[in-house]
Amino acid sequence: MTKRLFAAFALSLVLAPAAMADTFKVGVDQTVTLKLTAPANSVVVGNATVADVSVYDSNTLLITGKAFGTTNLVVLDRAGKTIYQNTLAVGGETDTGLTIVRGGGNYSYSCVDKCRATPMVGDAPQHFQDVMTTVTAKAGPAQGQ
């Protein structure tokens, strides 16, 4: 009995890191594809404010990170059987991003060739609004307005 209990405990320790490493990761404002092994019929996201999922075709999903955090994704086939289930972790910056924390507020920058302010969920409200005003002002002339 003790040997079986010890073996089960050892197996759970071996498998636990693999289960934790299985989290599906996506960046804020980034879209990644997820190929399914069987055709999907229903797709459910636990918290749609964190991530959005679009169906490209019955075997391909497009997952977009919307806000920092974690949620879950469940995909069912036509018979209602779960064909995919996982945690979605939406994270932040890539190696080209910079966040400055000043006075309790976050200020985000994209540093591709040089650092420029970029709107990011969680930024200081006035900074976010100022950047969005610039972005939307630029969009008007591009649309011929």
C-alpha atoms as a PDB file:
ATOM      1  CA  MET A   1       0.000   0.000   0.000  1.00  0.00           C
ATOM      2  CA  THR A   2       2.757   2.436   0.953  1.00  0.00           C
ATOM      3  CA  LYS A   3       4.681   1.669  -2.252  1.00  0.00           C
ATOM      4  CA  ARG A   4       1.616   2.423  -4.385  1.00  0.00           C
ATOM      5  CA  LEU A   5       0.946   5.661  -2.552  1.00  0.00           C
ATOM      6  CA  PHE A   6       4.568   6.713  -2.933  1.00  0.00           C
ATOM      7  CA  ALA A   7       4.534   5.804  -6.649  1.00  0.00           C
ATOM      8  CA  ALA A   8       1.337   7.806  -7.232  1.00  0.00           C
ATOM      9  CA  PHE A   9       2.804  10.801  -5.398  1.00  0.00           C
ATOM     10  CA  ALA A  10       6.054  10.591  -7.394  1.00  0.00           C
ATOM     11  CA  LEU A  11       4.112  10.393 -10.660  1.00  0.00           C
ATOM     12  CA  SER A  12       2.052  13.443  -9.740  1.00  0.00           C
ATOM     13  CA  LEU A  13       5.245  15.409  -9.044  1.00  0.00           C
ATOM     14  CA  VAL A  14       6.643  14.447 -12.438  1.00  0.00           C
ATOM     15  CA  LEU A  15       3.456  15.343 -14.309  1.00  0.00           C
ATOM     16  CA  ALA A  16       2.664  18.599 -12.443  1.00  0.00           C
ATOM     17  CA  PRO A  17       5.335  20.761 -14.140  1.00  0.00           C
ATOM     18  CA  ALA A  18       4.239  19.523 -17.556  1.00  0.00           C
ATOM     19  CA  ALA A  19       0.653  20.501 -16.832  1.00  0.00           C
ATOM     20  CA  MET A  20       1.700  23.959 -15.678  1.00  0.00           C
ATOM     21  CA  ALA A  21       3.944  24.461 -18.711  1.00  0.00           C
ATOM     22  CA  ASP A  22       0.973  23.747 -20.975  1.00  0.00           C
ATOM     23  CA  THR A  23      -0.568  27.232 -20.503  1.00  0.00           C
ATOM     24  CA  PHE A  24      -1.277  28.899 -23.856  1.00  0.00           C
ATOM     25  CA  LYS A  25       0.430  32.308 -23.892  1.00  0.00           C
ATOM     26  CA  VAL A  26      -0.375  35.341 -26.014  1.00  0.00           C
ATOM     27  CA  GLY A  27       0.657  38.991 -25.776  1.00  0.00           C
ATOM     28  CA  VAL A  28      -1.666  41.946 -25.307  1.00  0.00           C
ATOM     29  CA  ASP A  29      -2.746  43.219 -28.747  1.00  0.00           C
ATOM     30  CA  GLN A  30      -1.270  40.137 -30.432  1.00  0.00           C
ATOM     31  CA  THR A  31      -3.023  37.347 -32.328  1.00  0.00           C
ATOM     32  CA  VAL A  32      -1.801  33.756 -32.542  1.00  0.00           C
ATOM     33  CA  THR A  33      -3.237  30.684 -34.236  1.00  0.00           C
ATOM     34  CA  LEU A  34      -4.282  27.487 -32.529  1.00  0.00           C
ATOM     35  CA  LYS A  35      -4.650  24.369 -34.682  1.00  0.00           C
ATOM     36  CA  LEU A  36      -7.164  21.840 -33.369  1.00  0.00           C
ATOM     37  CA  THR A  37      -6.939  18.071 -33.799  1.00  0.00           C
ATOM     38  CA  ALA A  38     -10.684  17.792 -34.547  1.00  0.00           C
ATOM     39  CA  PRO A  39     -13.330  20.161 -35.964  1.00  0.00           C
ATOM     40  CA  ALA A  40     -14.797  22.629 -33.450  1.00  0.00           C
ATOM     41  CA  ASN A  41     -18.496  23.294 -33.017  1.00  0.00           C
ATOM     42  CA  SER A  42     -18.508  25.583 -29.946  1.00  0.00           C
ATOM     43  CA  VAL A  43     -15.804  27.856 -28.543  1.00  0.00           C
ATOM     44  CA  VAL A  44     -16.076  29.409 -25.078  1.00  0.00           C
ATOM     45  CA  VAL A  45     -13.714  31.940 -23.468  1.00  0.00           C
ATOM     46  CA  GLY A  46     -14.035  32.292 -19.704  1.00  0.00           C
ATOM     47  CA  ASN A  47     -13.391  36.056 -19.614  1.00  0.00           C
ATOM     48  CA  ALA A  48     -13.839  37.916 -22.895  1.00  0.00           C
ATOM     49  CA  THR A  49     -12.191  41.047 -21.497  1.00  0.00           C
ATOM     50  CA  VAL A  50      -8.858  39.167 -21.288  1.00  0.00           C
ATOM     51  CA  ALA A  51      -8.871  37.346 -24.652  1.00  0.00           C
ATOM     52  CA  ASP A  52     -10.946  37.023 -27.781  1.00  0.00           C
ATOM     53  CA  VAL A  53     -11.202  33.959 -30.004  1.00  0.00           C
ATOM     54  CA  SER A  54     -12.262  33.964 -33.645  1.00  0.00           C
ATOM     55  CA  VAL A  55     -12.924  30.849 -35.690  1.00  0.00           C
ATOM     56  CA  TYR A  56     -10.913  30.924 -38.926  1.00  0.00           C
ATOM     57  CA  ASP A  57     -12.110  27.474 -39.978  1.00  0.00           C
ATOM     58  CA  SER A  58     -13.337  24.393 -38.106  1.00  0.00           C
ATOM     59  CA  ASN A  59      -9.771  23.386 -37.162  1.00  0.00           C
ATOM     60  CA  THR A  60      -8.136  26.813 -36.709  1.00  0.00           C
ATOM     61  CA  LEU A  61      -8.763  29.411 -34.001  1.00  0.00           C
ATOM     62  CA  LEU A  62      -7.315  32.923 -33.825  1.00  0.00           C
ATOM     63  CA  ILE A  63      -6.654  34.011 -30.233  1.00  0.00           C
ATOM     64  CA  THR A  64      -6.146  37.714 -29.488  1.00  0.00           C
ATOM     65  CA  GLY A  65      -4.854  39.020 -26.168  1.00  0.00           C
ATOM     66  CA  LYS A  66      -6.957  41.977 -25.039  1.00  0.00           C
ATOM     67  CA  ALA A  67      -5.886  42.683 -21.440  1.00  0.00           C
ATOM     68  CA  PHE A  68      -3.401  41.366 -18.902  1.00  0.00           C
ATOM     69  CA  GLY A  69      -4.556  38.314 -17.005  1.00  0.00           C
ATOM     70  CA  THR A  70      -5.577  34.705 -17.330  1.00  0.00           C
ATOM     71  CA  THR A  71      -8.752  33.007 -18.416  1.00  0.00           C
ATOM     72  CA  ASN A  72      -9.659  29.659 -19.896  1.00  0.00           C
ATOM     73  CA  LEU A  73     -10.656  28.352 -23.303  1.00  0.00           C
ATOM     74  CA  VAL A  74     -12.951  25.386 -23.930  1.00  0.00           C
ATOM     75  CA  VAL A  75     -13.626  23.970 -27.405  1.00  0.00           C
ATOM     76  CA  LEU A  76     -16.364  21.398 -27.989  1.00  0.00           C
ATOM     77  CA  ASP A  77     -17.090  19.200 -31.001  1.00  0.00           C
ATOM     78  CA  ARG A  78     -20.541  18.666 -32.534  1.00  0.00           C
ATOM     79  CA  ALA A  79     -21.332  15.906 -29.987  1.00  0.00           C
ATOM     80  CA  GLY A  80     -20.501  18.216 -27.058  1.00  0.00           C
ATOM     81  CA  LYS A  81     -17.226  16.452 -26.259  1.00  0.00           C
ATOM     82  CA  THR A  82     -14.326  18.652 -25.111  1.00  0.00           C
ATOM     83  CA  ILE A  83     -11.630  18.577 -27.794  1.00  0.00           C
ATOM     84  CA  TYR A  84      -9.455  21.339 -26.318  1.00  0.00           C
ATOM     85  CA  GLN A  85      -9.289  22.951 -22.899  1.00  0.00           C
ATOM     86  CA  ASN A  86      -6.529  25.146 -21.533  1.00  0.00           C
ATOM     87  CA  THR A  87      -5.592  28.241 -19.585  1.00  0.00           C
ATOM     88  CA  LEU A  88      -4.927  31.366 -21.646  1.00  0.00           C
ATOM     89  CA  ALA A  89      -2.303  33.694 -20.165  1.00  0.00           C
ATOM     90  CA  VAL A  90      -2.208  37.174 -21.652  1.00  0.00           C
ATOM     91  CA  GLY A  91       1.043  38.927 -20.908  1.00  0.00           C
ATOM     92  CA  GLY A  92       2.850  42.102 -21.618  1.00  0.00           C
ATOM     93  CA  GLU A  93       5.733  43.506 -23.428  1.00  0.00           C
ATOM     94  CA  THR A  94       8.119  41.955 -25.838  1.00  0.00           C
ATOM     95  CA  ASP A  95      11.780  42.863 -25.867  1.00  0.00           C
ATOM     96  CA  THR A  96      10.865  46.062 -27.747  1.00  0.00           C
ATOM     97  CA  GLY A  97       8.507  47.341 -25.036  1.00  0.00           C
ATOM     98  CA  LEU A  98       9.280  49.633 -22.134  1.00  0.00           C
ATOM     99  CA  THR A  99       7.104  50.500 -19.132  1.00  0.00           C
ATOM    100  CA  ILE A 100       8.024  53.366 -16.839  1.00  0.00           C
ATOM    101  CA  VAL A 101       6.354  53.429 -13.430  1.00  0.00           C
ATOM    102  CA  ARG A 102       6.161  56.997 -12.180  1.00  0.00           C
ATOM    103  CA  GLY A 103       4.016  58.367  -9.374  1.00  0.00           C
ATOM    104  CA  GLY A 104       2.012  55.154  -9.137  1.00  0.00           C
ATOM    105  CA  GLY A 105       1.112  55.197 -12.847  1.00  0.00           C
ATOM    106  CA  ASN A 106       2.374  53.166 -15.780  1.00  0.00           C
ATOM    107  CA  TYR A 107       3.617  54.785 -18.990  1.00  0.00           C
ATOM    108  CA  SER A 108       4.120  52.395 -21.913  1.00  0.00           C
ATOM    109  CA  TYR A 109       6.444  52.856 -24.869  1.00  0.00           C
ATOM    110  CA  SER A 110       7.240  50.864 -27.988  1.00  0.00           C
ATOM    111  CA  CYS A 111      10.968  50.953 -28.736  1.00  0.00           C
ATOM    112  CA  VAL A 112      11.361  49.484 -32.224  1.00  0.00           C
ATOM    113  CA  ASP A 113      13.764  52.086 -33.631  1.00  0.00           C
ATOM    114  CA  LYS A 114      13.339  54.665 -30.877  1.00  0.00           C
ATOM    115  CA  CYS A 115      10.913  54.793 -27.963  1.00  0.00           C
ATOM    116  CA  ARG A 116       7.453  56.236 -28.640  1.00  0.00           C
ATOM    117  CA  ALA A 117       4.401  56.295 -26.394  1.00  0.00           C
ATOM    118  CA  THR A 118       1.918  53.512 -27.055  1.00  0.00           C
ATOM    119  CA  PRO A 119      -1.529  52.923 -25.510  1.00  0.00           C
ATOM    120  CA  MET A 120      -1.522  49.938 -23.169  1.00  0.00           C
ATOM    121  CA  VAL A 121      -4.225  48.619 -20.857  1.00  0.00           C
ATOM    122  CA  GLY A 122      -3.266  49.589 -17.303  1.00  0.00           C
ATOM    123  CA  ASP A 123      -1.458  52.819 -18.170  1.00  0.00           C
ATOM    124  CA  ALA A 124      -2.049  56.030 -16.233  1.00  0.00           C
ATOM    125  CA  PRO A 125      -5.450  57.309 -17.451  1.00  0.00           C
ATOM    126  CA  GLN A 126      -4.229  60.715 -18.687  1.00  0.00           C
ATOM    127  CA  HIS A 127      -1.228  59.189 -20.476  1.00  0.00           C
ATOM    128  CA  PHE A 128      -3.492  56.610 -22.135  1.00  0.00           C
ATOM    129  CA  GLN A 129      -5.957  59.317 -23.203  1.00  0.00           C
ATOM    130  CA  ASP A 130      -3.183  61.562 -24.580  1.00  0.00           C
ATOM    131  CA  VAL A 131      -1.722  58.711 -26.643  1.00  0.00           C
ATOM    132  CA  MET A 132      -5.150  57.642 -27.910  1.00  0.00           C
ATOM    133  CA  THR A 133      -5.921  61.227 -28.938  1.00  0.00           C
ATOM    134  CA  THR A 134      -2.749  61.240 -31.039  1.00  0.00           C
ATOM    135  CA  VAL A 135      -3.513  57.833 -32.553  1.00  0.00           C
ATOM    136  CA  THR A 136      -7.100  58.715 -33.485  1.00  0.00           C
ATOM    137  CA  ALA A 137      -6.058  62.139 -34.838  1.00  0.00           C
ATOM    138  CA  LYS A 138      -3.626  60.392 -37.165  1.00  0.00           C
ATOM    139  CA  ALA A 139      -6.303  57.913 -38.308  1.00  0.00           C
ATOM    140  CA  GLY A 140      -8.625  60.707 -39.584  1.00  0.00           C
ATOM    141  CA  PRO A 141      -6.384  61.949 -42.440  1.00  0.00           C
ATOM    142  CA  ALA A 142      -5.520  58.351 -43.343  1.00  0.00           C
ATOM    143  CA  GLN A 143      -9.242  57.731 -43.940  1.00  0.00           C
ATOM    144  CA  GLY A 144      -9.533  60.866 -46.061  1.00  0.00           C
ATOM    145  CA  GLN A 145     -11.215  63.031 -43.404  1.00  0.00           C
END
